[in-house]
Amino acid sequence: MATRNFTQKWVDSRRPGDPAHLGLTRDTGVTGLIIAVNKTSKTWKVQRDMWRGKRCKTIRHTLGTTDELSLNDARARAQEIIAQIRRGIDPNAATPAPPVGQMTVGELWDAYEAWLRTRGCAPVTLKDHRYNLDRYLDDWRNLPLSELRKSKARERHEKITRENGPYPANHAMRSLRAAYNYAIDKLDDDDVLRANPVKGVNFNPERRRKAIILPEDLPDWWRRTGALPNPLRVAMHRLGLLSGLRPGTLVSLEREWVDLDGQAVRIPRMKSGHSFDLPLSDAMVGLVGDALRIGDTLYKESQWLFPTRSNDGRRVIATQVWRERSMPGETGHILRHTYRTMADALGVPQSRARALLDHQQPGIEAHYLHASGLRDQLLADQERMTKFILETANA
């Protein structure tokens, strides 16, 4: 089987029915991910060995077509399936869920995740949900739901708080609460479940996070980002402020999406499920150009605009962390809030401000307003926004 490091451009170039493209190719980025090209379609698959004692079984599982899943989505989903196989769970096994009265916490988690996937839940949400079970409730995996009590949930919340902190404890209980509510609402036909045990938890107080970076704080923010030791992260955070991109999208930008001559980053799939052309002001073109040059020097042949190295140092991957320890609460989603607030202060029309952020248009506008037809206006708005932000930041 052929192997290569997949890129979205290469995946898009595969043509079903073309003899030169038919067959299976394995991804070197996520070991086990395969693209299968036949006469009529292109399909994502996962293949890994599952060990049970000394017995090995090769599992091949279909994820979906390339029309349904982008490369990033396929890689994320493949990693979930691989983790499932490592736990000894065959994703192809057609085992019906047990009656809710006999269901364990682990079985509930699996059923809830399967339901979330049918609703198109983001891979990062599924990953966080699974992490809470694996990290904090692993010893409850075989615990029947019928044995869950408010006192038990409260004691576990207090234990996680002592050992891991208040925020992880709250997150773990929120995951359990959501899964249990799903069981009550969707699975419990005979009303055998008690009230949600998480109702007995006294959640830890959480300090309200600052919603935006205030205009008077922007000069200091700009100065401190410029002092960061990694120039790629300087460009990343500043582009995040000037674009308002969701942080998950920002860190996963690929070099092949960049069109500097067209002053755009052409993102094939956003949270909305649609493609999105991010207009680039002149200053944003400069930031993206800086990132490309730095990447060429530090991470040759990387597919990412903001690459980094894996923990073991062997692979170049997309940046995973957008928060800065030296700037707590001042990077990530707060920059999107700041951008939107400043767009309103500048007087950018609501419909175009939403288009710049890939926000869904309200009401009937969602059917009749198309950002692609407003390219020149949006680019002009982006130029105005950049000038306004830079002037406010004294940059």
Protein backbone atom coordinates (compact mmCIF):
# COMPACT_ATOMS: atom_id res chain seq x y z
CA MET A 1 0.00 0.00 0.00
CA ALA A 2 1.38 3.43 -0.94
CA THR A 3 2.07 5.96 1.83
CA ARG A 4 2.37 9.74 1.87
CA ASN A 5 1.64 12.78 4.03
CA PHE A 6 -1.85 13.80 2.98
CA THR A 7 -2.74 17.39 2.18
CA GLN A 8 -6.21 18.65 1.35
CA LYS A 9 -4.99 19.73 -2.07
CA TRP A 10 -3.70 16.23 -2.84
CA VAL A 11 -6.93 14.63 -1.58
CA ASP A 12 -9.00 16.95 -3.77
CA SER A 13 -6.86 16.05 -6.78
CA ARG A 14 -7.73 12.32 -6.60
CA ARG A 15 -10.24 11.47 -9.31
CA PRO A 16 -12.51 8.40 -9.02
CA GLY A 17 -12.28 6.27 -12.13
CA ASP A 18 -8.81 7.52 -13.06
CA PRO A 19 -6.60 4.38 -13.28
CA ALA A 20 -3.63 6.34 -11.94
CA HIS A 21 -5.55 7.23 -8.77
CA LEU A 22 -7.35 3.96 -7.97
CA GLY A 23 -6.42 2.01 -4.84
CA LEU A 24 -5.49 2.61 -1.22
CA THR A 25 -3.04 5.16 0.16
CA ARG A 26 -2.01 5.38 3.79
CA ASP A 27 -1.47 8.70 5.59
CA THR A 28 1.84 9.25 7.38
CA GLY A 29 0.32 12.11 9.38
CA VAL A 30 -2.11 9.81 11.25
CA THR A 31 -0.97 6.21 11.12
CA GLY A 32 -3.93 4.04 10.22
CA LEU A 33 -5.87 6.60 8.15
CA ILE A 34 -6.42 5.46 4.56
CA ILE A 35 -8.01 7.02 1.51
CA ALA A 36 -9.65 4.52 -0.85
CA VAL A 37 -10.30 5.64 -4.44
CA ASN A 38 -12.46 3.45 -6.66
CA LYS A 39 -14.40 3.91 -9.88
CA THR A 40 -17.12 6.06 -8.33
CA SER A 41 -16.00 7.50 -4.98
CA LYS A 42 -13.25 8.53 -2.55
CA THR A 43 -13.63 7.15 0.95
CA TRP A 44 -11.85 7.57 4.27
CA LYS A 45 -11.02 4.38 6.19
CA VAL A 46 -9.15 3.42 9.34
CA GLN A 47 -7.15 0.22 9.68
CA ARG A 48 -5.48 -0.91 12.91
CA ASP A 49 -4.72 -4.15 14.72
CA MET A 50 -6.75 -4.91 17.83
CA TRP A 51 -5.07 -7.14 20.41
CA ARG A 52 -6.93 -9.25 22.94
CA GLY A 53 -4.28 -11.09 24.91
CA LYS A 54 -2.12 -12.80 22.32
CA ARG A 55 -4.80 -12.72 19.65
CA CYS A 56 -4.71 -10.03 16.99
CA LYS A 57 -7.56 -8.94 14.74
CA THR A 58 -7.14 -6.41 11.92
CA ILE A 59 -9.96 -3.87 11.99
CA ARG A 60 -10.88 -1.79 8.96
CA HIS A 61 -13.59 0.80 9.53
CA THR A 62 -15.14 3.24 7.04
CA LEU A 63 -15.37 6.86 8.22
CA GLY A 64 -17.17 8.42 5.26
CA THR A 65 -16.52 9.99 1.90
CA THR A 66 -14.21 12.92 1.19
CA ASP A 67 -17.31 14.98 0.43
CA GLU A 68 -18.56 14.36 3.98
CA LEU A 69 -15.25 14.79 5.81
CA SER A 70 -12.35 17.14 5.16
CA LEU A 71 -8.82 15.89 5.77
CA ASN A 72 -8.73 17.53 9.21
CA ASP A 73 -12.09 16.00 10.15
CA ALA A 74 -11.01 12.57 8.90
CA ARG A 75 -7.78 12.72 10.90
CA ALA A 76 -9.62 13.71 14.06
CA ARG A 77 -12.23 10.98 13.60
CA ALA A 78 -9.53 8.41 12.80
CA GLN A 79 -7.74 9.19 16.04
CA GLU A 80 -10.98 8.62 17.96
CA ILE A 81 -11.54 5.24 16.30
CA ILE A 82 -7.90 4.23 16.86
CA ALA A 83 -8.23 5.08 20.56
CA GLN A 84 -11.40 2.98 20.66
CA ILE A 85 -9.62 0.00 19.04
CA ARG A 86 -6.77 0.33 21.52
CA ARG A 87 -9.33 -0.03 24.33
CA GLY A 88 -10.42 -3.30 22.75
CA ILE A 89 -13.66 -1.98 21.24
CA ASP A 90 -14.47 -3.06 17.69
CA PRO A 91 -16.13 -0.07 15.95
CA ASN A 92 -17.75 -2.47 13.46
CA ALA A 93 -19.41 -4.62 16.08
CA ALA A 94 -23.19 -4.35 15.85
CA THR A 95 -23.90 -4.76 19.54
CA PRO A 96 -27.15 -3.09 20.61
CA ALA A 97 -27.08 -0.96 23.72
CA PRO A 98 -28.37 -2.81 26.79
CA PRO A 99 -31.62 -1.73 28.47
CA VAL A 100 -31.02 1.53 30.24
CA GLY A 101 -31.66 -0.11 33.62
CA GLN A 102 -28.68 -2.43 33.02
CA MET A 103 -26.42 0.12 31.35
CA THR A 104 -23.05 1.01 32.86
CA VAL A 105 -21.42 4.41 32.89
CA GLY A 106 -19.03 3.32 30.12
CA GLU A 107 -21.87 2.03 27.95
CA LEU A 108 -23.77 5.26 28.50
CA TRP A 109 -20.71 7.24 27.41
CA ASP A 110 -20.45 5.22 24.18
CA ALA A 111 -24.18 5.63 23.43
CA TYR A 112 -24.04 9.37 24.13
CA GLU A 113 -20.99 9.83 21.89
CA ALA A 114 -22.69 7.91 19.07
CA TRP A 115 -25.70 10.21 19.37
CA LEU A 116 -23.48 13.33 19.36
CA ARG A 117 -21.85 12.14 16.14
CA THR A 118 -25.24 11.81 14.42
CA ARG A 119 -25.79 15.48 15.26
CA GLY A 120 -22.50 16.49 13.65
CA CYS A 121 -20.81 17.34 16.94
CA ALA A 122 -17.30 18.81 16.55
CA PRO A 123 -14.45 16.28 17.02
CA VAL A 124 -12.87 18.44 19.73
CA THR A 125 -16.09 18.23 21.78
CA LEU A 126 -16.13 14.45 21.48
CA LYS A 127 -12.46 14.34 22.44
CA ASP A 128 -13.03 16.48 25.55
CA HIS A 129 -16.05 14.41 26.55
CA ARG A 130 -14.10 11.14 26.27
CA TYR A 131 -11.16 12.65 28.17
CA ASN A 132 -13.41 13.33 31.17
CA LEU A 133 -14.40 9.65 31.35
CA ASP A 134 -10.88 8.31 30.79
CA ARG A 135 -9.17 10.76 33.15
CA TYR A 136 -11.62 11.25 36.03
CA LEU A 137 -14.28 8.51 35.93
CA ASP A 138 -12.38 5.50 34.61
CA ASP A 139 -13.11 3.42 37.73
CA TRP A 140 -16.84 4.04 37.14
CA ARG A 141 -16.73 2.54 33.65
CA ASN A 142 -18.39 -0.72 34.79
CA LEU A 143 -20.61 0.92 37.40
CA PRO A 144 -24.35 0.40 36.66
CA LEU A 145 -26.31 3.62 36.30
CA SER A 146 -28.72 2.26 38.89
CA GLU A 147 -25.94 2.57 41.51
CA LEU A 148 -25.18 6.23 40.86
CA ARG A 149 -26.26 8.47 43.72
CA LYS A 150 -26.08 12.18 44.42
CA SER A 151 -23.70 11.49 47.30
CA LYS A 152 -21.42 9.48 45.00
CA ALA A 153 -21.30 12.24 42.39
CA ARG A 154 -20.69 14.85 45.08
CA GLU A 155 -17.83 12.84 46.60
CA ARG A 156 -16.19 12.34 43.20
CA HIS A 157 -16.49 16.07 42.41
CA GLU A 158 -14.81 16.90 45.71
CA LYS A 159 -12.04 14.35 45.02
CA ILE A 160 -11.30 15.76 41.55
CA THR A 161 -11.31 19.27 43.02
CA ARG A 162 -8.69 18.29 45.62
CA GLU A 163 -6.44 16.39 43.23
CA ASN A 164 -6.86 18.24 39.93
CA GLY A 165 -8.48 21.59 40.63
CA PRO A 166 -11.91 23.21 40.51
CA TYR A 167 -12.26 23.61 36.74
CA PRO A 168 -11.53 19.95 35.81
CA ALA A 169 -13.97 18.83 38.52
CA ASN A 170 -16.72 21.03 37.10
CA HIS A 171 -16.00 19.91 33.52
CA ALA A 172 -16.13 16.22 34.46
CA MET A 173 -19.47 16.59 36.22
CA ARG A 174 -20.92 18.60 33.33
CA SER A 175 -20.02 15.75 30.97
CA LEU A 176 -21.64 13.21 33.30
CA ARG A 177 -24.72 15.40 33.68
CA ALA A 178 -25.13 15.75 29.91
CA ALA A 179 -24.74 12.00 29.30
CA TYR A 180 -27.17 11.11 32.08
CA ASN A 181 -29.74 13.63 30.81
CA TYR A 182 -29.43 11.99 27.39
CA ALA A 183 -30.22 8.62 28.99
CA ILE A 184 -33.27 10.04 30.75
CA ASP A 185 -34.57 11.87 27.69
CA LYS A 186 -33.74 9.41 24.89
CA LEU A 187 -33.23 5.92 26.33
CA ASP A 188 -35.37 5.52 29.45
CA ASP A 189 -38.74 4.28 28.18
CA ASP A 190 -39.80 2.79 31.53
CA ASP A 191 -38.73 5.62 33.84
CA VAL A 192 -36.31 3.40 35.74
CA LEU A 193 -33.61 6.04 36.20
CA ARG A 194 -33.48 8.27 39.21
CA ALA A 195 -33.07 12.03 39.01
CA ASN A 196 -29.71 13.10 37.61
CA PRO A 197 -27.14 12.42 40.37
CA VAL A 198 -25.16 15.52 39.39
CA LYS A 199 -27.97 17.57 40.92
CA GLY A 200 -26.31 16.82 44.26
CA VAL A 201 -23.01 18.42 43.24
CA ASN A 202 -22.01 21.80 44.63
CA PHE A 203 -20.13 23.19 41.62
CA ASN A 204 -17.00 25.18 42.27
CA PRO A 205 -17.26 28.91 41.66
CA GLU A 206 -15.58 29.97 38.43
CA ARG A 207 -14.08 33.36 37.98
CA ARG A 208 -15.82 35.12 35.14
CA ARG A 209 -13.45 35.53 32.25
CA LYS A 210 -12.86 38.91 30.71
CA ALA A 211 -15.11 39.10 27.66
CA ILE A 212 -12.97 41.36 25.49
CA ILE A 213 -9.67 43.20 25.49
CA LEU A 214 -10.64 46.79 26.20
CA PRO A 215 -9.42 49.47 23.78
CA GLU A 216 -7.22 51.08 26.43
CA ASP A 217 -5.51 47.70 27.00
CA LEU A 218 -4.77 46.99 23.35
CA PRO A 219 -1.45 48.92 23.19
CA ASP A 220 -0.06 46.85 26.07
CA TRP A 221 -1.46 43.65 24.54
CA TRP A 222 0.24 44.41 21.21
CA ARG A 223 3.52 45.16 22.97
CA ARG A 224 3.46 41.96 25.01
CA THR A 225 2.63 39.74 22.02
CA GLY A 226 5.60 41.28 20.23
CA ALA A 227 7.81 40.27 23.16
CA LEU A 228 6.92 36.56 22.89
CA PRO A 229 10.01 34.46 22.14
CA ASN A 230 8.40 32.51 19.28
CA PRO A 231 7.88 34.74 16.21
CA LEU A 232 5.33 32.31 14.75
CA ARG A 233 3.13 32.74 17.82
CA VAL A 234 3.50 36.51 17.55
CA ALA A 235 2.10 36.37 14.00
CA MET A 236 -0.58 33.86 15.04
CA HIS A 237 -2.00 35.94 17.90
CA ARG A 238 -1.90 39.17 15.94
CA LEU A 239 -3.61 37.54 12.97
CA GLY A 240 -6.19 36.19 15.41
CA LEU A 241 -6.96 39.73 16.57
CA LEU A 242 -7.07 41.22 13.06
CA SER A 243 -9.19 38.40 11.62
CA GLY A 244 -11.47 37.34 14.46
CA LEU A 245 -11.00 33.70 13.41
CA ARG A 246 -12.07 30.99 15.81
CA PRO A 247 -8.88 29.85 17.56
CA GLY A 248 -9.34 26.24 16.46
CA THR A 249 -9.49 27.39 12.85
CA LEU A 250 -6.58 29.80 13.29
CA VAL A 251 -4.12 27.17 14.51
CA SER A 252 -5.14 24.66 11.82
CA LEU A 253 -4.67 26.95 8.80
CA GLU A 254 -2.80 25.26 5.95
CA ARG A 255 -0.27 26.92 3.69
CA GLU A 256 -2.00 25.74 0.52
CA TRP A 257 -5.11 27.71 1.51
CA VAL A 258 -3.17 30.98 1.39
CA ASP A 259 -3.68 33.20 -1.66
CA LEU A 260 -1.59 36.31 -1.04
CA ASP A 261 -2.15 37.68 -4.55
CA GLY A 262 -5.91 37.33 -4.06
CA GLN A 263 -5.63 38.69 -0.49
CA ALA A 264 -7.46 35.74 1.02
CA VAL A 265 -7.09 32.55 2.98
CA ARG A 266 -9.46 30.08 1.32
CA ILE A 267 -10.58 27.75 4.11
CA PRO A 268 -12.37 24.69 2.67
CA ARG A 269 -14.49 23.90 5.73
CA MET A 270 -15.53 25.99 8.71
CA LYS A 271 -17.58 25.21 11.82
CA SER A 272 -20.66 26.04 9.74
CA GLY A 273 -19.76 23.17 7.40
CA HIS A 274 -19.19 25.58 4.51
CA SER A 275 -16.06 26.97 2.89
CA PHE A 276 -14.96 30.49 3.81
CA ASP A 277 -12.67 33.02 2.15
CA LEU A 278 -11.05 35.17 4.83
CA PRO A 279 -10.28 38.61 3.35
CA LEU A 280 -6.74 39.79 4.12
CA SER A 281 -5.95 43.44 4.64
CA ASP A 282 -2.50 44.65 3.65
CA ALA A 283 -1.24 44.28 7.23
CA MET A 284 -2.72 40.77 7.44
CA VAL A 285 -0.95 39.85 4.19
CA GLY A 286 2.26 40.94 5.90
CA LEU A 287 1.59 38.77 8.95
CA VAL A 288 0.76 35.72 6.81
CA GLY A 289 3.86 36.36 4.71
CA ASP A 290 5.97 36.50 7.87
CA ALA A 291 4.52 33.18 9.03
CA LEU A 292 5.29 31.58 5.67
CA ARG A 293 8.89 32.77 5.73
CA ILE A 294 9.46 31.67 9.32
CA GLY A 295 7.89 28.30 8.55
CA ASP A 296 10.19 27.85 5.55
CA THR A 297 13.17 28.40 7.85
CA LEU A 298 12.14 26.37 10.90
CA TYR A 299 9.78 23.72 9.52
CA LYS A 300 10.63 22.92 5.91
CA GLU A 301 7.83 21.39 3.85
CA SER A 302 5.27 21.78 6.64
CA GLN A 303 1.66 21.92 5.45
CA TRP A 304 0.63 24.22 8.31
CA LEU A 305 0.79 28.00 8.48
CA PHE A 306 1.55 27.84 12.22
CA PRO A 307 3.45 24.56 12.69
CA THR A 308 5.11 23.18 15.79
CA ARG A 309 6.68 19.87 16.81
CA SER A 310 4.97 16.97 18.53
CA ASN A 311 5.85 16.29 22.15
CA ASP A 312 8.41 13.67 21.14
CA GLY A 313 9.96 16.11 18.64
CA ARG A 314 9.69 13.66 15.75
CA ARG A 315 6.80 15.14 13.79
CA VAL A 316 5.80 18.58 12.57
CA ILE A 317 2.15 19.18 13.44
CA ALA A 318 -0.30 22.04 13.54
CA THR A 319 -0.09 24.15 16.70
CA GLN A 320 -2.39 22.65 19.32
CA VAL A 321 -2.30 25.38 21.99
CA TRP A 322 -3.41 28.94 21.42
CA ARG A 323 -3.18 30.12 25.04
CA GLU A 324 -0.10 31.88 26.38
CA ARG A 325 0.93 31.27 29.99
CA SER A 326 2.36 34.77 30.15
CA MET A 327 -0.95 36.24 28.91
CA PRO A 328 -3.71 34.29 30.72
CA GLY A 329 -7.17 34.97 29.30
CA GLU A 330 -5.82 37.27 26.60
CA THR A 331 -5.48 34.93 23.64
CA GLY A 332 -7.87 32.58 21.90
CA HIS A 333 -11.60 33.24 21.70
CA ILE A 334 -11.37 36.59 23.48
CA LEU A 335 -9.77 38.00 20.31
CA ARG A 336 -12.88 37.02 18.31
CA HIS A 337 -15.07 38.84 20.83
CA THR A 338 -12.77 41.86 20.66
CA TYR A 339 -12.88 41.92 16.86
CA ARG A 340 -16.69 41.74 16.79
CA THR A 341 -17.03 44.50 19.38
CA MET A 342 -14.67 46.78 17.48
CA ALA A 343 -16.54 46.11 14.23
CA ASP A 344 -19.68 47.42 15.92
CA ALA A 345 -17.80 50.44 17.28
CA LEU A 346 -16.48 51.20 13.80
CA GLY A 347 -19.97 50.96 12.30
CA VAL A 348 -19.42 47.96 10.03
CA PRO A 349 -22.91 46.88 8.89
CA GLN A 350 -24.22 43.95 10.92
CA SER A 351 -24.64 41.66 7.93
CA ARG A 352 -21.08 42.25 6.72
CA ALA A 353 -19.62 41.96 10.23
CA ARG A 354 -21.27 38.54 10.48
CA ALA A 355 -19.94 37.59 7.04
CA LEU A 356 -16.38 38.55 8.06
CA LEU A 357 -16.67 36.19 11.06
CA ASP A 358 -18.49 33.40 9.21
CA HIS A 359 -21.47 33.89 11.48
CA GLN A 360 -24.85 32.65 10.32
CA GLN A 361 -27.08 35.43 9.04
CA PRO A 362 -30.41 35.76 10.87
CA GLY A 363 -33.82 35.15 9.37
CA ILE A 364 -34.40 35.39 5.64
CA GLU A 365 -30.94 36.94 5.11
CA ALA A 366 -29.45 33.48 5.60
CA HIS A 367 -31.04 32.44 2.28
CA TYR A 368 -30.37 35.54 0.22
CA LEU A 369 -27.06 36.99 1.47
CA HIS A 370 -23.91 35.40 0.02
CA ALA A 371 -20.48 36.52 1.18
CA SER A 372 -18.93 35.52 -2.14
CA GLY A 373 -20.88 38.30 -3.82
CA LEU A 374 -19.57 40.88 -1.36
CA ARG A 375 -15.87 40.22 -1.78
CA ASP A 376 -14.82 43.79 -2.58
CA GLN A 377 -16.98 45.26 0.19
CA LEU A 378 -15.70 42.72 2.73
CA LEU A 379 -12.08 43.35 1.77
CA ALA A 380 -12.67 47.09 2.19
CA ASP A 381 -14.30 46.47 5.58
CA GLN A 382 -11.35 44.30 6.61
CA GLU A 383 -8.94 47.07 5.63
CA ARG A 384 -10.94 49.55 7.73
CA MET A 385 -11.05 47.11 10.66
CA THR A 386 -7.30 46.54 10.55
CA LYS A 387 -6.57 50.26 10.45
CA PHE A 388 -8.95 50.87 13.37
CA ILE A 389 -7.44 48.08 15.49
CA LEU A 390 -3.85 49.09 14.74
CA GLU A 391 -4.55 52.74 15.54
CA THR A 392 -6.23 51.73 18.79
CA ALA A 393 -3.24 49.51 19.64
CA ASN A 394 -0.74 52.26 18.72
CA ALA A 395 0.89 49.68 16.45
